[in-house]
Amino acid sequence: MYGTDYTAPFSLLTFLTYCASLVPFLFILLLVLCGRQFKTSDHGAESIISATPMPLHVFRLIRYSAVACAFLIAATLPVIVCFLFYQQVFDYTAFSVLLWPGLLFLLPPAILLFGAAMLLGNRREAAVHILLAAVLIVSVFQIKLPAFMDIIGSAAIQPLNTGEYDFALSTAFIAGRIAFSVVGVVLIVISLCGSKKRPIY
């Protein structure tokens, strides 16, 4: 039994390739969950909350937390199954070697998409659908993006060959992930503390 490009089934390259196959579905799920926050009923709920002692940003934070928890559960389950497979079949338990690159692979673009969806969705619900369409197009057509802006992660799973087979995440890819995280957090904070008024649809 071989992993990606004849590496071990529990190699970093194989594990990240597995993560890359999950990413489109997880990001689509995330954006669908975000889009559900901007239904007409939710608009009315924020109007009601604005008239109560509860600060609007606290109400939004509760909603954001619910979306984040649902996404994290959906992302964690297939990883747990993968690790159980490694343990039972290959007696492999060095999961920390795989976990941190996996988190770097998945979480920063999720934070960016979440922040962008919540900020733009607070203004126009259609913006979330545009983000969803962009993720679908990049995923389905496997559009190659530069490593520093590769949201799906296809650039990261291009192996580096240095005599013996070796694989590492590129500096540009890691820098892009850091930028995704910072920008995403800023967008989330802005959406939490943004204007209480919504556009009329």
N, C-alpha and C. Protein backbone atom coordinates (compact mmCIF):
# COMPACT_ATOMS: atom_id res chain seq x y z
N MET A 1 0.85 -1.20 0.00
CA MET A 1 0.00 0.00 0.00
C MET A 1 0.89 1.25 0.00
N TYR A 2 0.69 2.12 -0.98
CA TYR A 2 1.52 3.30 -1.12
C TYR A 2 0.70 4.57 -0.88
N GLY A 3 1.43 5.62 -0.50
CA GLY A 3 0.81 6.93 -0.39
C GLY A 3 0.99 7.70 -1.68
N THR A 4 0.84 9.01 -1.60
CA THR A 4 0.98 9.87 -2.76
C THR A 4 2.40 9.80 -3.32
N ASP A 5 2.52 9.62 -4.63
CA ASP A 5 3.82 9.54 -5.30
C ASP A 5 4.74 8.52 -4.64
N TYR A 6 4.18 7.38 -4.24
CA TYR A 6 4.92 6.25 -3.67
C TYR A 6 5.60 6.57 -2.34
N THR A 7 5.12 7.60 -1.66
CA THR A 7 5.59 7.83 -0.29
C THR A 7 4.78 6.92 0.64
N ALA A 8 5.13 6.92 1.92
CA ALA A 8 4.40 6.13 2.89
C ALA A 8 2.96 6.64 3.00
N PRO A 9 2.01 5.76 3.30
CA PRO A 9 0.62 6.20 3.43
C PRO A 9 0.42 7.23 4.53
N PHE A 10 1.35 7.27 5.49
CA PHE A 10 1.25 8.23 6.59
C PHE A 10 2.28 9.35 6.46
N SER A 11 2.81 9.54 5.25
CA SER A 11 3.76 10.63 5.03
C SER A 11 3.03 11.97 5.05
N LEU A 12 3.79 13.05 5.25
CA LEU A 12 3.20 14.38 5.27
C LEU A 12 2.55 14.71 3.93
N LEU A 13 3.20 14.34 2.84
CA LEU A 13 2.65 14.61 1.51
C LEU A 13 1.31 13.91 1.32
N THR A 14 1.25 12.64 1.71
CA THR A 14 0.00 11.89 1.57
C THR A 14 -1.10 12.48 2.44
N PHE A 15 -0.75 12.85 3.67
CA PHE A 15 -1.76 13.41 4.58
C PHE A 15 -2.28 14.74 4.06
N LEU A 16 -1.40 15.60 3.57
CA LEU A 16 -1.84 16.90 3.05
C LEU A 16 -2.64 16.73 1.76
N THR A 17 -2.30 15.72 0.97
CA THR A 17 -3.11 15.44 -0.23
C THR A 17 -4.52 15.03 0.19
N TYR A 18 -4.60 14.25 1.27
CA TYR A 18 -5.91 13.89 1.82
C TYR A 18 -6.66 15.14 2.29
N CYS A 19 -5.95 16.03 2.98
CA CYS A 19 -6.56 17.29 3.44
C CYS A 19 -7.04 18.11 2.25
N ALA A 20 -6.23 18.14 1.19
CA ALA A 20 -6.59 18.91 0.00
C ALA A 20 -7.88 18.39 -0.63
N SER A 21 -8.12 17.09 -0.52
CA SER A 21 -9.35 16.52 -1.07
C SER A 21 -10.57 16.90 -0.22
N LEU A 22 -10.33 17.20 1.06
CA LEU A 22 -11.42 17.59 1.95
C LEU A 22 -11.73 19.08 1.89
N VAL A 23 -10.71 19.88 1.62
CA VAL A 23 -10.83 21.33 1.72
C VAL A 23 -12.00 21.92 0.94
N PRO A 24 -12.22 21.56 -0.34
CA PRO A 24 -13.34 22.17 -1.07
C PRO A 24 -14.68 21.93 -0.38
N PHE A 25 -14.92 20.71 0.09
CA PHE A 25 -16.18 20.39 0.74
C PHE A 25 -16.34 21.16 2.05
N LEU A 26 -15.24 21.26 2.81
CA LEU A 26 -15.29 21.96 4.09
C LEU A 26 -15.53 23.46 3.89
N PHE A 27 -14.87 24.04 2.89
CA PHE A 27 -15.05 25.47 2.65
C PHE A 27 -16.44 25.78 2.11
N ILE A 28 -16.97 24.88 1.28
CA ILE A 28 -18.34 25.07 0.80
C ILE A 28 -19.31 24.99 1.98
N LEU A 29 -19.09 24.02 2.87
CA LEU A 29 -19.93 23.91 4.07
C LEU A 29 -19.85 25.18 4.90
N LEU A 30 -18.64 25.70 5.08
CA LEU A 30 -18.45 26.92 5.87
C LEU A 30 -19.22 28.09 5.27
N LEU A 31 -19.13 28.26 3.96
CA LEU A 31 -19.80 29.38 3.31
C LEU A 31 -21.32 29.21 3.31
N VAL A 32 -21.79 27.97 3.21
CA VAL A 32 -23.24 27.72 3.32
C VAL A 32 -23.72 28.08 4.72
N LEU A 33 -22.95 27.69 5.74
CA LEU A 33 -23.32 28.05 7.11
C LEU A 33 -23.32 29.55 7.31
N CYS A 34 -22.34 30.22 6.71
CA CYS A 34 -22.29 31.69 6.81
C CYS A 34 -23.49 32.31 6.11
N GLY A 35 -23.82 31.79 4.91
CA GLY A 35 -24.94 32.33 4.16
C GLY A 35 -26.26 32.22 4.89
N ARG A 36 -26.40 31.19 5.72
CA ARG A 36 -27.64 31.00 6.47
C ARG A 36 -27.82 32.05 7.56
N GLN A 37 -26.75 32.77 7.87
CA GLN A 37 -26.84 33.80 8.91
C GLN A 37 -27.48 35.09 8.40
N PHE A 38 -27.71 35.18 7.11
CA PHE A 38 -28.19 36.43 6.54
C PHE A 38 -29.58 36.31 5.92
N LYS A 39 -30.34 35.36 6.43
CA LYS A 39 -31.74 35.26 5.99
C LYS A 39 -32.53 36.44 6.54
N THR A 40 -33.70 36.67 5.96
CA THR A 40 -34.54 37.79 6.39
C THR A 40 -34.89 37.70 7.87
N SER A 41 -35.14 36.49 8.36
CA SER A 41 -35.48 36.31 9.77
C SER A 41 -34.33 36.73 10.67
N ASP A 42 -33.09 36.46 10.22
CA ASP A 42 -31.93 36.87 11.02
C ASP A 42 -31.76 38.39 11.01
N HIS A 43 -32.10 39.02 9.89
CA HIS A 43 -32.06 40.49 9.84
C HIS A 43 -33.01 41.06 10.90
N GLY A 44 -34.21 40.46 10.97
CA GLY A 44 -35.17 40.92 11.96
C GLY A 44 -34.69 40.67 13.38
N ALA A 45 -34.00 39.54 13.58
CA ALA A 45 -33.49 39.22 14.92
C ALA A 45 -32.49 40.28 15.38
N GLU A 46 -31.63 40.74 14.47
CA GLU A 46 -30.65 41.76 14.85
C GLU A 46 -31.34 43.08 15.18
N SER A 47 -32.41 43.37 14.45
CA SER A 47 -33.16 44.60 14.76
C SER A 47 -33.75 44.54 16.15
N ILE A 48 -34.26 43.35 16.51
CA ILE A 48 -34.83 43.18 17.86
C ILE A 48 -33.75 43.27 18.92
N ILE A 49 -32.61 42.61 18.66
CA ILE A 49 -31.50 42.62 19.62
C ILE A 49 -31.00 44.05 19.84
N SER A 50 -31.03 44.86 18.77
CA SER A 50 -30.56 46.24 18.88
C SER A 50 -31.39 47.04 19.87
N ALA A 51 -32.62 46.59 20.09
CA ALA A 51 -33.51 47.31 21.02
C ALA A 51 -33.45 46.76 22.44
N THR A 52 -32.55 45.78 22.68
CA THR A 52 -32.41 45.18 24.01
C THR A 52 -31.08 45.60 24.62
N PRO A 53 -30.86 45.30 25.90
CA PRO A 53 -29.58 45.66 26.54
C PRO A 53 -28.38 44.88 25.99
N MET A 54 -28.64 43.74 25.33
CA MET A 54 -27.52 42.95 24.81
C MET A 54 -26.84 43.69 23.66
N PRO A 55 -25.53 43.91 23.74
CA PRO A 55 -24.82 44.55 22.63
C PRO A 55 -24.92 43.69 21.37
N LEU A 56 -25.04 44.35 20.24
CA LEU A 56 -25.18 43.63 18.98
C LEU A 56 -23.96 42.76 18.69
N HIS A 57 -22.78 43.26 19.07
CA HIS A 57 -21.57 42.48 18.76
C HIS A 57 -21.52 41.19 19.57
N VAL A 58 -22.15 41.17 20.75
CA VAL A 58 -22.21 39.94 21.54
C VAL A 58 -23.12 38.93 20.86
N PHE A 59 -24.26 39.41 20.34
CA PHE A 59 -25.17 38.54 19.60
C PHE A 59 -24.48 37.96 18.37
N ARG A 60 -23.76 38.81 17.65
CA ARG A 60 -23.05 38.33 16.47
C ARG A 60 -21.96 37.32 16.86
N LEU A 61 -21.29 37.57 17.96
CA LEU A 61 -20.24 36.66 18.41
C LEU A 61 -20.81 35.28 18.71
N ILE A 62 -21.99 35.23 19.30
CA ILE A 62 -22.65 33.95 19.57
C ILE A 62 -22.94 33.22 18.26
N ARG A 63 -23.45 33.95 17.29
CA ARG A 63 -23.74 33.35 15.98
C ARG A 63 -22.46 32.87 15.31
N TYR A 64 -21.42 33.68 15.36
CA TYR A 64 -20.15 33.30 14.75
C TYR A 64 -19.59 32.05 15.40
N SER A 65 -19.73 31.98 16.72
CA SER A 65 -19.21 30.82 17.45
C SER A 65 -19.93 29.54 17.04
N ALA A 66 -21.24 29.65 16.82
CA ALA A 66 -22.01 28.48 16.38
C ALA A 66 -21.53 27.99 15.02
N VAL A 67 -21.29 28.91 14.10
CA VAL A 67 -20.79 28.54 12.77
C VAL A 67 -19.40 27.92 12.88
N ALA A 68 -18.53 28.53 13.68
CA ALA A 68 -17.17 28.03 13.85
C ALA A 68 -17.17 26.62 14.45
N CYS A 69 -18.00 26.39 15.44
CA CYS A 69 -18.07 25.07 16.08
C CYS A 69 -18.54 24.00 15.09
N ALA A 70 -19.56 24.33 14.31
CA ALA A 70 -20.06 23.38 13.31
C ALA A 70 -18.97 23.04 12.28
N PHE A 71 -18.25 24.07 11.85
CA PHE A 71 -17.18 23.84 10.87
C PHE A 71 -16.06 23.00 11.47
N LEU A 72 -15.65 23.31 12.69
CA LEU A 72 -14.56 22.57 13.33
C LEU A 72 -14.93 21.11 13.55
N ILE A 73 -16.17 20.85 13.91
CA ILE A 73 -16.60 19.46 14.07
C ILE A 73 -16.52 18.73 12.74
N ALA A 74 -17.01 19.38 11.69
CA ALA A 74 -16.99 18.76 10.36
C ALA A 74 -15.56 18.52 9.88
N ALA A 75 -14.63 19.41 10.23
CA ALA A 75 -13.24 19.28 9.81
C ALA A 75 -12.50 18.25 10.65
N THR A 76 -12.87 18.13 11.92
CA THR A 76 -12.15 17.24 12.84
C THR A 76 -12.48 15.78 12.60
N LEU A 77 -13.72 15.47 12.29
CA LEU A 77 -14.15 14.07 12.17
C LEU A 77 -13.34 13.27 11.13
N PRO A 78 -13.17 13.78 9.89
CA PRO A 78 -12.40 12.99 8.92
C PRO A 78 -10.92 12.87 9.29
N VAL A 79 -10.38 13.87 10.01
CA VAL A 79 -8.99 13.78 10.46
C VAL A 79 -8.85 12.71 11.53
N ILE A 80 -9.81 12.64 12.44
CA ILE A 80 -9.79 11.60 13.47
C ILE A 80 -9.87 10.21 12.83
N VAL A 81 -10.75 10.07 11.86
CA VAL A 81 -10.87 8.79 11.15
C VAL A 81 -9.55 8.42 10.48
N CYS A 82 -8.91 9.41 9.86
CA CYS A 82 -7.62 9.17 9.21
C CYS A 82 -6.56 8.71 10.22
N PHE A 83 -6.48 9.38 11.36
CA PHE A 83 -5.50 9.02 12.38
C PHE A 83 -5.78 7.63 12.96
N LEU A 84 -7.06 7.29 13.13
CA LEU A 84 -7.41 5.95 13.62
C LEU A 84 -6.99 4.89 12.60
N PHE A 85 -7.15 5.21 11.32
CA PHE A 85 -6.71 4.30 10.27
C PHE A 85 -5.20 4.09 10.33
N TYR A 86 -4.46 5.19 10.48
CA TYR A 86 -3.00 5.08 10.58
C TYR A 86 -2.59 4.22 11.78
N GLN A 87 -3.28 4.41 12.89
CA GLN A 87 -2.93 3.69 14.10
C GLN A 87 -3.25 2.21 13.99
N GLN A 88 -4.44 1.89 13.47
CA GLN A 88 -4.87 0.50 13.43
C GLN A 88 -4.15 -0.31 12.34
N VAL A 89 -3.92 0.31 11.20
CA VAL A 89 -3.35 -0.42 10.07
C VAL A 89 -1.83 -0.39 10.06
N PHE A 90 -1.25 0.77 10.41
CA PHE A 90 0.21 0.93 10.30
C PHE A 90 0.90 1.08 11.65
N ASP A 91 0.13 1.07 12.72
CA ASP A 91 0.69 1.28 14.06
C ASP A 91 1.48 2.58 14.12
N TYR A 92 0.97 3.60 13.44
CA TYR A 92 1.62 4.92 13.38
C TYR A 92 0.90 5.87 14.33
N THR A 93 1.67 6.48 15.23
CA THR A 93 1.06 7.36 16.24
C THR A 93 1.74 8.73 16.34
N ALA A 94 2.67 9.03 15.46
CA ALA A 94 3.36 10.34 15.52
C ALA A 94 2.49 11.39 14.84
N PHE A 95 1.32 11.61 15.40
CA PHE A 95 0.34 12.47 14.75
C PHE A 95 0.73 13.94 14.77
N SER A 96 1.54 14.34 15.75
CA SER A 96 1.91 15.76 15.84
C SER A 96 2.69 16.20 14.60
N VAL A 97 3.42 15.28 13.98
CA VAL A 97 4.17 15.59 12.76
C VAL A 97 3.22 15.99 11.64
N LEU A 98 2.03 15.42 11.65
CA LEU A 98 1.04 15.69 10.62
C LEU A 98 0.05 16.78 11.02
N LEU A 99 -0.22 16.87 12.32
CA LEU A 99 -1.29 17.75 12.79
C LEU A 99 -1.01 19.22 12.53
N TRP A 100 0.18 19.69 12.88
CA TRP A 100 0.47 21.12 12.75
C TRP A 100 0.50 21.58 11.30
N PRO A 101 1.14 20.83 10.37
CA PRO A 101 1.01 21.22 8.97
C PRO A 101 -0.43 21.16 8.48
N GLY A 102 -1.19 20.17 8.98
CA GLY A 102 -2.60 20.07 8.59
C GLY A 102 -3.40 21.28 9.03
N LEU A 103 -3.14 21.74 10.26
CA LEU A 103 -3.82 22.94 10.75
C LEU A 103 -3.43 24.16 9.93
N LEU A 104 -2.14 24.26 9.59
CA LEU A 104 -1.66 25.37 8.77
C LEU A 104 -2.30 25.32 7.38
N PHE A 105 -2.54 24.13 6.92
CA PHE A 105 -3.14 23.92 5.59
C PHE A 105 -4.59 24.36 5.57
N LEU A 106 -5.33 24.07 6.64
CA LEU A 106 -6.78 24.23 6.64
C LEU A 106 -7.29 25.52 7.28
N LEU A 107 -6.79 25.86 8.47
CA LEU A 107 -7.41 26.92 9.26
C LEU A 107 -7.24 28.33 8.69
N PRO A 108 -6.04 28.75 8.27
CA PRO A 108 -5.90 30.14 7.78
C PRO A 108 -6.85 30.51 6.65
N PRO A 109 -6.98 29.69 5.59
CA PRO A 109 -7.95 30.08 4.56
C PRO A 109 -9.38 30.03 5.05
N ALA A 110 -9.67 29.13 6.01
CA ALA A 110 -11.01 29.08 6.58
C ALA A 110 -11.31 30.37 7.35
N ILE A 111 -10.32 30.86 8.09
CA ILE A 111 -10.48 32.12 8.82
C ILE A 111 -10.72 33.27 7.85
N LEU A 112 -9.96 33.29 6.75
CA LEU A 112 -10.12 34.35 5.75
C LEU A 112 -11.51 34.30 5.12
N LEU A 113 -11.93 33.11 4.70
CA LEU A 113 -13.25 32.98 4.07
C LEU A 113 -14.37 33.33 5.05
N PHE A 114 -14.21 32.90 6.28
CA PHE A 114 -15.21 33.18 7.30
C PHE A 114 -15.32 34.69 7.54
N GLY A 115 -14.18 35.34 7.70
CA GLY A 115 -14.18 36.78 7.92
C GLY A 115 -14.76 37.54 6.74
N ALA A 116 -14.36 37.15 5.52
CA ALA A 116 -14.88 37.83 4.33
C ALA A 116 -16.38 37.60 4.18
N ALA A 117 -16.83 36.37 4.43
CA ALA A 117 -18.25 36.06 4.28
C ALA A 117 -19.10 36.83 5.28
N MET A 118 -18.64 36.91 6.53
CA MET A 118 -19.43 37.58 7.56
C MET A 118 -19.43 39.10 7.36
N LEU A 119 -18.30 39.63 6.93
CA LEU A 119 -18.24 41.08 6.71
C LEU A 119 -19.07 41.48 5.48
N LEU A 120 -18.85 40.79 4.38
CA LEU A 120 -19.55 41.15 3.15
C LEU A 120 -21.02 40.74 3.22
N GLY A 121 -21.29 39.62 3.88
CA GLY A 121 -22.67 39.16 4.00
C GLY A 121 -23.52 40.09 4.82
N ASN A 122 -22.91 40.80 5.78
CA ASN A 122 -23.64 41.78 6.57
C ASN A 122 -24.12 42.94 5.71
N ARG A 123 -23.50 43.10 4.55
CA ARG A 123 -23.87 44.18 3.65
C ARG A 123 -24.71 43.69 2.48
N ARG A 124 -24.27 42.61 1.85
CA ARG A 124 -25.01 42.03 0.74
C ARG A 124 -24.89 40.50 0.82
N GLU A 125 -26.02 39.83 0.95
CA GLU A 125 -26.01 38.37 1.05
C GLU A 125 -25.42 37.73 -0.20
N ALA A 126 -25.58 38.38 -1.34
CA ALA A 126 -25.07 37.82 -2.60
C ALA A 126 -23.56 37.67 -2.58
N ALA A 127 -22.87 38.45 -1.74
CA ALA A 127 -21.41 38.37 -1.67
C ALA A 127 -20.97 36.99 -1.20
N VAL A 128 -21.73 36.37 -0.30
CA VAL A 128 -21.40 35.03 0.17
C VAL A 128 -21.53 34.03 -0.97
N HIS A 129 -22.56 34.20 -1.80
CA HIS A 129 -22.75 33.31 -2.95
C HIS A 129 -21.61 33.47 -3.96
N ILE A 130 -21.10 34.68 -4.09
CA ILE A 130 -19.97 34.90 -5.00
C ILE A 130 -18.72 34.19 -4.47
N LEU A 131 -18.49 34.28 -3.18
CA LEU A 131 -17.37 33.56 -2.57
C LEU A 131 -17.52 32.06 -2.78
N LEU A 132 -18.72 31.57 -2.59
CA LEU A 132 -19.00 30.14 -2.77
C LEU A 132 -18.71 29.72 -4.20
N ALA A 133 -19.15 30.53 -5.15
CA ALA A 133 -18.90 30.22 -6.56
C ALA A 133 -17.40 30.23 -6.87
N ALA A 134 -16.67 31.17 -6.28
CA ALA A 134 -15.23 31.25 -6.51
C ALA A 134 -14.52 29.99 -6.00
N VAL A 135 -14.90 29.52 -4.80
CA VAL A 135 -14.31 28.30 -4.25
C VAL A 135 -14.62 27.11 -5.14
N LEU A 136 -15.86 27.03 -5.62
CA LEU A 136 -16.25 25.93 -6.50
C LEU A 136 -15.44 25.94 -7.80
N ILE A 137 -15.28 27.11 -8.38
CA ILE A 137 -14.56 27.22 -9.66
C ILE A 137 -13.10 26.82 -9.48
N VAL A 138 -12.46 27.36 -8.44
CA VAL A 138 -11.05 27.04 -8.20
C VAL A 138 -10.87 25.54 -7.93
N SER A 139 -11.81 24.94 -7.21
CA SER A 139 -11.71 23.53 -6.85
C SER A 139 -12.00 22.62 -8.03
N VAL A 140 -13.12 22.85 -8.69
CA VAL A 140 -13.55 21.95 -9.76
C VAL A 140 -12.58 21.99 -10.95
N PHE A 141 -12.15 23.19 -11.31
CA PHE A 141 -11.27 23.32 -12.47
C PHE A 141 -9.79 23.27 -12.08
N GLN A 142 -9.53 23.06 -10.78
CA GLN A 142 -8.16 22.92 -10.28
C GLN A 142 -7.25 24.03 -10.80
N ILE A 143 -7.73 25.25 -10.63
CA ILE A 143 -6.98 26.41 -11.08
C ILE A 143 -5.72 26.58 -10.23
N LYS A 144 -4.59 26.70 -10.88
CA LYS A 144 -3.32 26.83 -10.19
C LYS A 144 -3.12 28.28 -9.76
N LEU A 145 -2.93 28.47 -8.48
CA LEU A 145 -2.69 29.79 -7.93
C LEU A 145 -1.28 29.84 -7.35
N PRO A 146 -0.67 31.03 -7.29
CA PRO A 146 0.64 31.14 -6.63
C PRO A 146 0.55 30.63 -5.20
N ALA A 147 1.66 30.10 -4.69
CA ALA A 147 1.65 29.46 -3.38
C ALA A 147 1.16 30.38 -2.28
N PHE A 148 1.49 31.67 -2.35
CA PHE A 148 1.14 32.58 -1.26
C PHE A 148 -0.35 32.92 -1.24
N MET A 149 -1.08 32.63 -2.34
CA MET A 149 -2.51 32.93 -2.36
C MET A 149 -3.34 31.69 -2.69
N ASP A 150 -2.76 30.53 -2.47
CA ASP A 150 -3.41 29.27 -2.80
C ASP A 150 -4.36 28.85 -1.67
N ILE A 151 -5.60 29.25 -1.76
CA ILE A 151 -6.58 28.96 -0.71
C ILE A 151 -6.86 27.47 -0.60
N ILE A 152 -6.99 26.79 -1.72
CA ILE A 152 -7.33 25.36 -1.70
C ILE A 152 -6.14 24.52 -1.25
N GLY A 153 -4.92 24.96 -1.58
CA GLY A 153 -3.73 24.25 -1.13
C GLY A 153 -3.10 23.34 -2.15
N SER A 154 -3.53 23.42 -3.40
CA SER A 154 -2.96 22.53 -4.42
C SER A 154 -1.48 22.78 -4.66
N ALA A 155 -1.05 24.04 -4.48
CA ALA A 155 0.37 24.36 -4.68
C ALA A 155 1.24 23.73 -3.60
N ALA A 156 0.68 23.54 -2.42
CA ALA A 156 1.47 23.03 -1.29
C ALA A 156 1.83 21.57 -1.45
N ILE A 157 1.04 20.82 -2.21
CA ILE A 157 1.29 19.38 -2.31
C ILE A 157 2.11 19.03 -3.54
N GLN A 158 2.82 20.02 -4.07
CA GLN A 158 3.81 19.75 -5.10
C GLN A 158 5.12 19.40 -4.41
N PRO A 159 5.61 18.17 -4.52
CA PRO A 159 6.76 17.73 -3.74
C PRO A 159 8.05 18.39 -4.16
N LEU A 160 8.96 18.49 -3.21
CA LEU A 160 10.31 18.97 -3.46
C LEU A 160 11.23 17.77 -3.49
N ASN A 161 11.95 17.60 -4.58
CA ASN A 161 12.87 16.47 -4.69
C ASN A 161 14.29 16.96 -4.50
N THR A 162 14.96 16.44 -3.50
CA THR A 162 16.34 16.83 -3.21
C THR A 162 17.16 15.57 -3.00
N GLY A 163 17.49 14.89 -4.07
CA GLY A 163 18.22 13.63 -3.96
C GLY A 163 17.27 12.56 -3.46
N GLU A 164 17.20 12.39 -2.15
CA GLU A 164 16.19 11.52 -1.57
C GLU A 164 14.87 12.27 -1.59
N TYR A 165 13.79 11.52 -1.55
CA TYR A 165 12.48 12.15 -1.62
C TYR A 165 12.24 12.95 -0.35
N ASP A 166 11.98 14.22 -0.54
CA ASP A 166 11.75 15.10 0.61
C ASP A 166 10.60 16.04 0.27
N PHE A 167 9.82 16.37 1.28
CA PHE A 167 8.68 17.25 1.06
C PHE A 167 8.64 18.28 2.17
N ALA A 168 8.36 19.51 1.80
CA ALA A 168 8.23 20.57 2.80
C ALA A 168 7.30 21.64 2.26
N LEU A 169 6.63 22.33 3.17
CA LEU A 169 5.81 23.46 2.78
C LEU A 169 6.71 24.64 2.44
N SER A 170 6.43 25.31 1.33
CA SER A 170 7.29 26.40 0.89
C SER A 170 7.13 27.63 1.78
N THR A 171 8.15 28.47 1.77
CA THR A 171 8.10 29.71 2.55
C THR A 171 6.98 30.61 2.08
N ALA A 172 6.77 30.67 0.76
CA ALA A 172 5.69 31.50 0.21
C ALA A 172 4.33 30.99 0.68
N PHE A 173 4.17 29.67 0.74
CA PHE A 173 2.90 29.10 1.18
C PHE A 173 2.65 29.44 2.65
N ILE A 174 3.67 29.30 3.49
CA ILE A 174 3.53 29.60 4.92
C ILE A 174 3.24 31.08 5.12
N ALA A 175 3.96 31.94 4.38
CA ALA A 175 3.71 33.39 4.49
C ALA A 175 2.28 33.73 4.08
N GLY A 176 1.80 33.07 3.04
CA GLY A 176 0.41 33.29 2.61
C GLY A 176 -0.58 32.89 3.68
N ARG A 177 -0.29 31.77 4.36
CA ARG A 177 -1.18 31.30 5.44
C ARG A 177 -1.20 32.30 6.60
N ILE A 178 -0.05 32.87 6.91
CA ILE A 178 0.00 33.88 7.98
C ILE A 178 -0.82 35.10 7.57
N ALA A 179 -0.67 35.52 6.32
CA ALA A 179 -1.44 36.68 5.83
C ALA A 179 -2.93 36.39 5.84
N PHE A 180 -3.32 35.17 5.44
CA PHE A 180 -4.74 34.79 5.48
C PHE A 180 -5.29 34.93 6.90
N SER A 181 -4.52 34.44 7.87
CA SER A 181 -4.98 34.47 9.27
C SER A 181 -5.16 35.90 9.76
N VAL A 182 -4.17 36.74 9.48
CA VAL A 182 -4.22 38.13 9.96
C VAL A 182 -5.38 38.87 9.32
N VAL A 183 -5.50 38.78 8.00
CA VAL A 183 -6.58 39.47 7.29
C VAL A 183 -7.93 38.93 7.74
N GLY A 184 -8.03 37.61 7.89
CA GLY A 184 -9.29 37.02 8.31
C GLY A 184 -9.73 37.49 9.68
N VAL A 185 -8.80 37.55 10.63
CA VAL A 185 -9.13 38.02 11.99
C VAL A 185 -9.58 39.48 11.94
N VAL A 186 -8.89 40.30 11.14
CA VAL A 186 -9.26 41.72 11.02
C VAL A 186 -10.68 41.84 10.46
N LEU A 187 -11.00 41.05 9.44
CA LEU A 187 -12.34 41.09 8.84
C LEU A 187 -13.41 40.66 9.85
N ILE A 188 -13.09 39.64 10.65
CA ILE A 188 -14.05 39.18 11.66
C ILE A 188 -14.31 40.27 12.69
N VAL A 189 -13.24 40.93 13.15
CA VAL A 189 -13.39 42.00 14.15
C VAL A 189 -14.21 43.15 13.57
N ILE A 190 -13.93 43.51 12.31
CA ILE A 190 -14.68 44.60 11.68
C ILE A 190 -16.16 44.24 11.56
N SER A 191 -16.43 42.98 11.18
CA SER A 191 -17.83 42.57 11.03
C SER A 191 -18.55 42.52 12.37
N LEU A 192 -17.82 42.19 13.44
CA LEU A 192 -18.42 42.16 14.77
C LEU A 192 -18.78 43.56 15.26
N CYS A 193 -17.90 44.49 14.98
CA CYS A 193 -18.07 45.85 15.52
C CYS A 193 -18.59 46.84 14.48
N GLY A 194 -19.06 46.30 13.34
CA GLY A 194 -19.50 47.18 12.26
C GLY A 194 -20.81 47.86 12.56
N SER A 195 -21.29 48.55 11.56
CA SER A 195 -22.54 49.31 11.70
C SER A 195 -23.70 48.41 12.06
N LYS A 196 -24.59 48.91 12.87
CA LYS A 196 -25.77 48.17 13.24
C LYS A 196 -26.82 48.19 12.15
N LYS A 197 -26.67 49.09 11.22
CA LYS A 197 -27.68 49.22 10.17
C LYS A 197 -27.36 48.28 9.02
N ARG A 198 -28.41 47.72 8.48
CA ARG A 198 -28.27 46.82 7.34
C ARG A 198 -28.95 47.45 6.12
N PRO A 199 -28.49 47.10 4.94
CA PRO A 199 -29.17 47.58 3.75
C PRO A 199 -30.54 46.94 3.62
N ILE A 200 -31.47 47.62 2.97
CA ILE A 200 -32.78 47.06 2.74
C ILE A 200 -32.76 46.26 1.45
N TYR A 201 -33.21 45.00 1.51
CA TYR A 201 -33.20 44.13 0.35
C TYR A 201 -34.55 44.16 -0.36
